[in-house]
Amino acid sequence: YRMGEEKRLNNVLDKYGYDNSVRKSF
C-alpha cells in the first residue's frame, strides 16, 4: 500500500474482520 491508500487498505482489513483498534494501527 502506498502512502495515503487508506480506503483500499480499509477494504482489505474489513474483508478479514479486524476490529477498530487493529484498523487504527494500520
PDB file of all heavy atoms in Angstrom:
ATOM      1  N   TYR A   1       0.841  -1.192   0.000  1.00  0.00           N
ATOM      2  CA  TYR A   1       0.000   0.000   0.000  1.00  0.00           C
ATOM      3  C   TYR A   1       0.877   1.243   0.000  1.00  0.00           C
ATOM      4  O   TYR A   1       1.785   1.364   0.832  1.00  0.00           O
ATOM      5  CB  TYR A   1      -0.933   0.015   1.216  1.00  0.00           C
ATOM      6  CG  TYR A   1      -1.877  -1.161   1.210  1.00  0.00           C
ATOM      7  CD1 TYR A   1      -1.538  -2.363   1.825  1.00  0.00           C
ATOM      8  CD2 TYR A   1      -3.091  -1.082   0.537  1.00  0.00           C
ATOM      9  CE1 TYR A   1      -2.385  -3.449   1.785  1.00  0.00           C
ATOM     10  CE2 TYR A   1      -3.950  -2.162   0.488  1.00  0.00           C
ATOM     11  CZ  TYR A   1      -3.598  -3.344   1.111  1.00  0.00           C
ATOM     12  OH  TYR A   1      -4.429  -4.434   1.065  1.00  0.00           O
ATOM     13  N   ARG A   2       0.588   2.137  -0.928  1.00  0.00           N
ATOM     14  CA  ARG A   2       1.297   3.415  -0.963  1.00  0.00           C
ATOM     15  C   ARG A   2       0.777   4.324   0.140  1.00  0.00           C
ATOM     16  O   ARG A   2      -0.330   4.133   0.658  1.00  0.00           O
ATOM     17  CB  ARG A   2       1.085   4.081  -2.331  1.00  0.00           C
ATOM     18  CG  ARG A   2       1.631   3.289  -3.507  1.00  0.00           C
ATOM     19  CD  ARG A   2       3.101   3.552  -3.739  1.00  0.00           C
ATOM     20  NE  ARG A   2       3.339   4.923  -4.161  1.00  0.00           N
ATOM     21  CZ  ARG A   2       3.285   5.327  -5.430  1.00  0.00           C
ATOM     22  NH1 ARG A   2       2.963   4.475  -6.400  1.00  0.00           N
ATOM     23  NH2 ARG A   2       3.551   6.587  -5.741  1.00  0.00           N
ATOM     24  N   MET A   3       1.547   5.330   0.471  1.00  0.00           N
ATOM     25  CA  MET A   3       1.126   6.285   1.492  1.00  0.00           C
ATOM     26  C   MET A   3      -0.199   6.939   1.082  1.00  0.00           C
ATOM     27  O   MET A   3      -0.376   7.362  -0.065  1.00  0.00           O
ATOM     28  CB  MET A   3       2.186   7.370   1.672  1.00  0.00           C
ATOM     29  CG  MET A   3       1.946   8.271   2.877  1.00  0.00           C
ATOM     30  SD  MET A   3       3.322   9.407   3.175  1.00  0.00           S
ATOM     31  CE  MET A   3       2.952  10.684   1.983  1.00  0.00           C
ATOM     32  N   GLY A   4      -1.151   6.963   2.007  1.00  0.00           N
ATOM     33  CA  GLY A   4      -2.434   7.594   1.756  1.00  0.00           C
ATOM     34  C   GLY A   4      -3.503   6.677   1.183  1.00  0.00           C
ATOM     35  O   GLY A   4      -4.639   7.113   0.974  1.00  0.00           O
ATOM     36  N   GLU A   5      -3.178   5.420   0.946  1.00  0.00           N
ATOM     37  CA  GLU A   5      -4.186   4.496   0.388  1.00  0.00           C
ATOM     38  C   GLU A   5      -5.060   3.898   1.488  1.00  0.00           C
ATOM     39  O   GLU A   5      -5.258   2.684   1.569  1.00  0.00           O
ATOM     40  CB  GLU A   5      -3.511   3.381  -0.415  1.00  0.00           C
ATOM     41  CG  GLU A   5      -2.983   3.812  -1.759  1.00  0.00           C
ATOM     42  CD  GLU A   5      -2.628   2.618  -2.641  1.00  0.00           C
ATOM     43  OE1 GLU A   5      -1.670   1.902  -2.312  1.00  0.00           O
ATOM     44  OE2 GLU A   5      -3.323   2.409  -3.638  1.00  0.00           O
ATOM     45  N   GLU A   6      -5.639   4.758   2.315  1.00  0.00           N
ATOM     46  CA  GLU A   6      -6.416   4.280   3.463  1.00  0.00           C
ATOM     47  C   GLU A   6      -7.667   3.524   3.049  1.00  0.00           C
ATOM     48  O   GLU A   6      -8.018   2.506   3.652  1.00  0.00           O
ATOM     49  CB  GLU A   6      -6.799   5.464   4.362  1.00  0.00           C
ATOM     50  CG  GLU A   6      -5.613   6.013   5.143  1.00  0.00           C
ATOM     51  CD  GLU A   6      -5.526   7.518   5.073  1.00  0.00           C
ATOM     52  OE1 GLU A   6      -5.177   8.048   4.009  1.00  0.00           O
ATOM     53  OE2 GLU A   6      -5.806   8.154   6.097  1.00  0.00           O
ATOM     54  N   LYS A   7      -8.357   4.019   2.030  1.00  0.00           N
ATOM     55  CA  LYS A   7      -9.606   3.378   1.619  1.00  0.00           C
ATOM     56  C   LYS A   7      -9.358   1.956   1.127  1.00  0.00           C
ATOM     57  O   LYS A   7     -10.073   1.026   1.499  1.00  0.00           O
ATOM     58  CB  LYS A   7     -10.290   4.208   0.537  1.00  0.00           C
ATOM     59  CG  LYS A   7     -11.667   3.679   0.162  1.00  0.00           C
ATOM     60  CD  LYS A   7     -12.375   4.613  -0.813  1.00  0.00           C
ATOM     61  CE  LYS A   7     -13.764   4.075  -1.158  1.00  0.00           C
ATOM     62  NZ  LYS A   7     -14.472   4.971  -2.103  1.00  0.00           N
ATOM     63  N   ARG A   8      -8.354   1.793   0.278  1.00  0.00           N
ATOM     64  CA  ARG A   8      -8.028   0.458  -0.254  1.00  0.00           C
ATOM     65  C   ARG A   8      -7.598  -0.481   0.866  1.00  0.00           C
ATOM     66  O   ARG A   8      -8.012  -1.645   0.905  1.00  0.00           O
ATOM     67  CB  ARG A   8      -6.930   0.599  -1.308  1.00  0.00           C
ATOM     68  CG  ARG A   8      -6.484  -0.708  -1.912  1.00  0.00           C
ATOM     69  CD  ARG A   8      -5.580  -0.508  -3.108  1.00  0.00           C
ATOM     70  NE  ARG A   8      -4.806  -1.701  -3.353  1.00  0.00           N
ATOM     71  CZ  ARG A   8      -3.515  -1.827  -3.111  1.00  0.00           C
ATOM     72  NH1 ARG A   8      -2.826  -0.798  -2.620  1.00  0.00           N
ATOM     73  NH2 ARG A   8      -2.873  -2.943  -3.357  1.00  0.00           N
ATOM     74  N   LEU A   9      -6.789   0.013   1.795  1.00  0.00           N
ATOM     75  CA  LEU A   9      -6.333  -0.799   2.916  1.00  0.00           C
ATOM     76  C   LEU A   9      -7.513  -1.178   3.809  1.00  0.00           C
ATOM     77  O   LEU A   9      -7.624  -2.328   4.251  1.00  0.00           O
ATOM     78  CB  LEU A   9      -5.280  -0.040   3.721  1.00  0.00           C
ATOM     79  CG  LEU A   9      -4.793  -0.685   5.029  1.00  0.00           C
ATOM     80  CD1 LEU A   9      -4.191  -2.057   4.764  1.00  0.00           C
ATOM     81  CD2 LEU A   9      -3.778   0.214   5.718  1.00  0.00           C
ATOM     82  N   ASN A  10      -8.395  -0.233   4.064  1.00  0.00           N
ATOM     83  CA  ASN A  10      -9.532  -0.494   4.942  1.00  0.00           C
ATOM     84  C   ASN A  10     -10.455  -1.567   4.360  1.00  0.00           C
ATOM     85  O   ASN A  10     -11.041  -2.367   5.095  1.00  0.00           O
ATOM     86  CB  ASN A  10     -10.311   0.796   5.197  1.00  0.00           C
ATOM     87  CG  ASN A  10     -11.170   0.700   6.442  1.00  0.00           C
ATOM     88  OD1 ASN A  10     -10.739   0.187   7.475  1.00  0.00           O
ATOM     89  ND2 ASN A  10     -12.391   1.173   6.348  1.00  0.00           N
ATOM     90  N   ASN A  11     -10.579  -1.592   3.039  1.00  0.00           N
ATOM     91  CA  ASN A  11     -11.395  -2.626   2.397  1.00  0.00           C
ATOM     92  C   ASN A  11     -10.862  -4.023   2.695  1.00  0.00           C
ATOM     93  O   ASN A  11     -11.629  -4.956   2.941  1.00  0.00           O
ATOM     94  CB  ASN A  11     -11.429  -2.395   0.879  1.00  0.00           C
ATOM     95  CG  ASN A  11     -12.310  -1.226   0.494  1.00  0.00           C
ATOM     96  OD1 ASN A  11     -13.173  -0.822   1.262  1.00  0.00           O
ATOM     97  ND2 ASN A  11     -12.087  -0.674  -0.690  1.00  0.00           N
ATOM     98  N   VAL A  12      -9.557  -4.161   2.663  1.00  0.00           N
ATOM     99  CA  VAL A  12      -8.952  -5.466   2.951  1.00  0.00           C
ATOM    100  C   VAL A  12      -9.101  -5.827   4.425  1.00  0.00           C
ATOM    101  O   VAL A  12      -9.441  -6.959   4.779  1.00  0.00           O
ATOM    102  CB  VAL A  12      -7.463  -5.475   2.535  1.00  0.00           C
ATOM    103  CG1 VAL A  12      -6.757  -6.700   3.093  1.00  0.00           C
ATOM    104  CG2 VAL A  12      -7.349  -5.462   1.020  1.00  0.00           C
ATOM    105  N   LEU A  13      -8.861  -4.862   5.306  1.00  0.00           N
ATOM    106  CA  LEU A  13      -8.996  -5.121   6.742  1.00  0.00           C
ATOM    107  C   LEU A  13     -10.428  -5.511   7.088  1.00  0.00           C
ATOM    108  O   LEU A  13     -10.672  -6.350   7.964  1.00  0.00           O
ATOM    109  CB  LEU A  13      -8.568  -3.891   7.543  1.00  0.00           C
ATOM    110  CG  LEU A  13      -7.102  -3.479   7.387  1.00  0.00           C
ATOM    111  CD1 LEU A  13      -6.831  -2.200   8.168  1.00  0.00           C
ATOM    112  CD2 LEU A  13      -6.158  -4.578   7.840  1.00  0.00           C
ATOM    113  N   ASP A  14     -11.376  -4.897   6.399  1.00  0.00           N
ATOM    114  CA  ASP A  14     -12.783  -5.229   6.613  1.00  0.00           C
ATOM    115  C   ASP A  14     -13.070  -6.659   6.164  1.00  0.00           C
ATOM    116  O   ASP A  14     -13.778  -7.409   6.836  1.00  0.00           O
ATOM    117  CB  ASP A  14     -13.661  -4.237   5.839  1.00  0.00           C
ATOM    118  CG  ASP A  14     -15.140  -4.500   6.062  1.00  0.00           C
ATOM    119  OD1 ASP A  14     -15.565  -4.492   7.231  1.00  0.00           O
ATOM    120  OD2 ASP A  14     -15.866  -4.718   5.077  1.00  0.00           O
ATOM    121  N   LYS A  15     -12.512  -7.054   5.024  1.00  0.00           N
ATOM    122  CA  LYS A  15     -12.720  -8.404   4.497  1.00  0.00           C
ATOM    123  C   LYS A  15     -12.228  -9.469   5.474  1.00  0.00           C
ATOM    124  O   LYS A  15     -12.813 -10.547   5.579  1.00  0.00           O
ATOM    125  CB  LYS A  15     -11.987  -8.540   3.158  1.00  0.00           C
ATOM    126  CG  LYS A  15     -12.071  -9.920   2.519  1.00  0.00           C
ATOM    127  CD  LYS A  15     -11.297  -9.962   1.220  1.00  0.00           C
ATOM    128  CE  LYS A  15     -11.326 -11.356   0.606  1.00  0.00           C
ATOM    129  NZ  LYS A  15     -10.531 -11.452  -0.619  1.00  0.00           N
ATOM    130  N   TYR A  16     -11.165  -9.154   6.192  1.00  0.00           N
ATOM    131  CA  TYR A  16     -10.596 -10.139   7.115  1.00  0.00           C
ATOM    132  C   TYR A  16     -11.083  -9.962   8.550  1.00  0.00           C
ATOM    133  O   TYR A  16     -10.618 -10.661   9.451  1.00  0.00           O
ATOM    134  CB  TYR A  16      -9.058 -10.101   7.034  1.00  0.00           C
ATOM    135  CG  TYR A  16      -8.557 -10.708   5.746  1.00  0.00           C
ATOM    136  CD1 TYR A  16      -8.301  -9.912   4.632  1.00  0.00           C
ATOM    137  CD2 TYR A  16      -8.396 -12.075   5.621  1.00  0.00           C
ATOM    138  CE1 TYR A  16      -7.871 -10.471   3.442  1.00  0.00           C
ATOM    139  CE2 TYR A  16      -7.974 -12.648   4.433  1.00  0.00           C
ATOM    140  CZ  TYR A  16      -7.715 -11.840   3.349  1.00  0.00           C
ATOM    141  OH  TYR A  16      -7.311 -12.406   2.162  1.00  0.00           O
ATOM    142  N   GLY A  17     -12.012  -9.031   8.767  1.00  0.00           N
ATOM    143  CA  GLY A  17     -12.732  -8.987  10.031  1.00  0.00           C
ATOM    144  C   GLY A  17     -12.004  -8.381  11.209  1.00  0.00           C
ATOM    145  O   GLY A  17     -12.327  -8.702  12.364  1.00  0.00           O
ATOM    146  N   TYR A  18     -11.033  -7.508  10.981  1.00  0.00           N
ATOM    147  CA  TYR A  18     -10.284  -6.939  12.104  1.00  0.00           C
ATOM    148  C   TYR A  18     -11.061  -5.805  12.772  1.00  0.00           C
ATOM    149  O   TYR A  18     -11.798  -5.063  12.110  1.00  0.00           O
ATOM    150  CB  TYR A  18      -8.922  -6.433  11.628  1.00  0.00           C
ATOM    151  CG  TYR A  18      -8.016  -7.553  11.176  1.00  0.00           C
ATOM    152  CD1 TYR A  18      -7.452  -7.560   9.901  1.00  0.00           C
ATOM    153  CD2 TYR A  18      -7.736  -8.628  12.011  1.00  0.00           C
ATOM    154  CE1 TYR A  18      -6.626  -8.598   9.478  1.00  0.00           C
ATOM    155  CE2 TYR A  18      -6.920  -9.664  11.603  1.00  0.00           C
ATOM    156  CZ  TYR A  18      -6.372  -9.650  10.338  1.00  0.00           C
ATOM    157  OH  TYR A  18      -5.570 -10.671   9.923  1.00  0.00           O
ATOM    158  N   ASP A  19     -10.876  -5.660  14.097  1.00  0.00           N
ATOM    159  CA  ASP A  19     -11.637  -4.656  14.839  1.00  0.00           C
ATOM    160  C   ASP A  19     -11.009  -3.268  14.699  1.00  0.00           C
ATOM    161  O   ASP A  19      -9.961  -3.088  14.074  1.00  0.00           O
ATOM    162  CB  ASP A  19     -11.784  -5.058  16.310  1.00  0.00           C
ATOM    163  CG  ASP A  19     -10.457  -5.114  17.054  1.00  0.00           C
ATOM    164  OD1 ASP A  19      -9.479  -4.483  16.597  1.00  0.00           O
ATOM    165  OD2 ASP A  19     -10.390  -5.780  18.098  1.00  0.00           O
ATOM    166  N   ASN A  20     -11.648  -2.288  15.316  1.00  0.00           N
ATOM    167  CA  ASN A  20     -11.244  -0.889  15.131  1.00  0.00           C
ATOM    168  C   ASN A  20      -9.849  -0.582  15.656  1.00  0.00           C
ATOM    169  O   ASN A  20      -9.118   0.214  15.065  1.00  0.00           O
ATOM    170  CB  ASN A  20     -12.268   0.041  15.791  1.00  0.00           C
ATOM    171  CG  ASN A  20     -13.542   0.139  14.977  1.00  0.00           C
ATOM    172  OD1 ASN A  20     -13.535  -0.075  13.763  1.00  0.00           O
ATOM    173  ND2 ASN A  20     -14.650   0.431  15.632  1.00  0.00           N
ATOM    174  N   SER A  21      -9.464  -1.197  16.774  1.00  0.00           N
ATOM    175  CA  SER A  21      -8.143  -0.901  17.329  1.00  0.00           C
ATOM    176  C   SER A  21      -7.043  -1.382  16.394  1.00  0.00           C
ATOM    177  O   SER A  21      -6.013  -0.718  16.227  1.00  0.00           O
ATOM    178  CB  SER A  21      -7.987  -1.557  18.710  1.00  0.00           C
ATOM    179  OG  SER A  21      -8.074  -2.970  18.614  1.00  0.00           O
ATOM    180  N   VAL A  22      -7.242  -2.528  15.767  1.00  0.00           N
ATOM    181  CA  VAL A  22      -6.279  -3.040  14.793  1.00  0.00           C
ATOM    182  C   VAL A  22      -6.260  -2.147  13.554  1.00  0.00           C
ATOM    183  O   VAL A  22      -5.205  -1.764  13.046  1.00  0.00           O
ATOM    184  CB  VAL A  22      -6.618  -4.498  14.402  1.00  0.00           C
ATOM    185  CG1 VAL A  22      -5.746  -4.966  13.232  1.00  0.00           C
ATOM    186  CG2 VAL A  22      -6.439  -5.423  15.597  1.00  0.00           C
ATOM    187  N   ARG A  23      -7.427  -1.769  13.079  1.00  0.00           N
ATOM    188  CA  ARG A  23      -7.516  -0.925  11.892  1.00  0.00           C
ATOM    189  C   ARG A  23      -6.805   0.409  12.098  1.00  0.00           C
ATOM    190  O   ARG A  23      -6.110   0.898  11.211  1.00  0.00           O
ATOM    191  CB  ARG A  23      -8.976  -0.662  11.542  1.00  0.00           C
ATOM    192  CG  ARG A  23      -9.709  -1.873  11.011  1.00  0.00           C
ATOM    193  CD  ARG A  23     -11.051  -1.458  10.483  1.00  0.00           C
ATOM    194  NE  ARG A  23     -11.936  -2.604  10.351  1.00  0.00           N
ATOM    195  CZ  ARG A  23     -12.993  -2.619   9.561  1.00  0.00           C
ATOM    196  NH1 ARG A  23     -13.289  -1.560   8.860  1.00  0.00           N
ATOM    197  NH2 ARG A  23     -13.763  -3.684   9.483  1.00  0.00           N
ATOM    198  N   LYS A  24      -7.006   0.989  13.265  1.00  0.00           N
ATOM    199  CA  LYS A  24      -6.377   2.287  13.542  1.00  0.00           C
ATOM    200  C   LYS A  24      -4.861   2.190  13.466  1.00  0.00           C
ATOM    201  O   LYS A  24      -4.191   3.107  12.985  1.00  0.00           O
ATOM    202  CB  LYS A  24      -6.815   2.793  14.919  1.00  0.00           C
ATOM    203  CG  LYS A  24      -8.240   3.329  14.940  1.00  0.00           C
ATOM    204  CD  LYS A  24      -8.629   3.806  16.345  1.00  0.00           C
ATOM    205  CE  LYS A  24     -10.072   4.312  16.358  1.00  0.00           C
ATOM    206  NZ  LYS A  24     -10.495   4.733  17.718  1.00  0.00           N
ATOM    207  N   SER A  25      -4.306   1.081  13.951  1.00  0.00           N
ATOM    208  CA  SER A  25      -2.852   0.894  13.897  1.00  0.00           C
ATOM    209  C   SER A  25      -2.362   0.881  12.459  1.00  0.00           C
ATOM    210  O   SER A  25      -1.373   1.533  12.113  1.00  0.00           O
ATOM    211  CB  SER A  25      -2.460  -0.417  14.591  1.00  0.00           C
ATOM    212  OG  SER A  25      -2.796  -0.407  15.961  1.00  0.00           O
ATOM    213  N   PHE A  26      -3.078   0.139  11.610  1.00  0.00           N
ATOM    214  CA  PHE A  26      -2.693   0.041  10.204  1.00  0.00           C
ATOM    215  C   PHE A  26      -2.892   1.373   9.487  1.00  0.00           C
ATOM    216  O   PHE A  26      -2.013   1.842   8.755  1.00  0.00           O
ATOM    217  CB  PHE A  26      -3.517  -1.043   9.506  1.00  0.00           C
ATOM    218  CG  PHE A  26      -3.097  -2.450   9.798  1.00  0.00           C
ATOM    219  CD1 PHE A  26      -3.341  -3.029  11.028  1.00  0.00           C
ATOM    220  CD2 PHE A  26      -2.453  -3.213   8.839  1.00  0.00           C
ATOM    221  CE1 PHE A  26      -2.977  -4.338  11.301  1.00  0.00           C
ATOM    222  CE2 PHE A  26      -2.078  -4.521   9.092  1.00  0.00           C
ATOM    223  CZ  PHE A  26      -2.338  -5.082  10.336  1.00  0.00           C
TER     224      PHE A  26
END
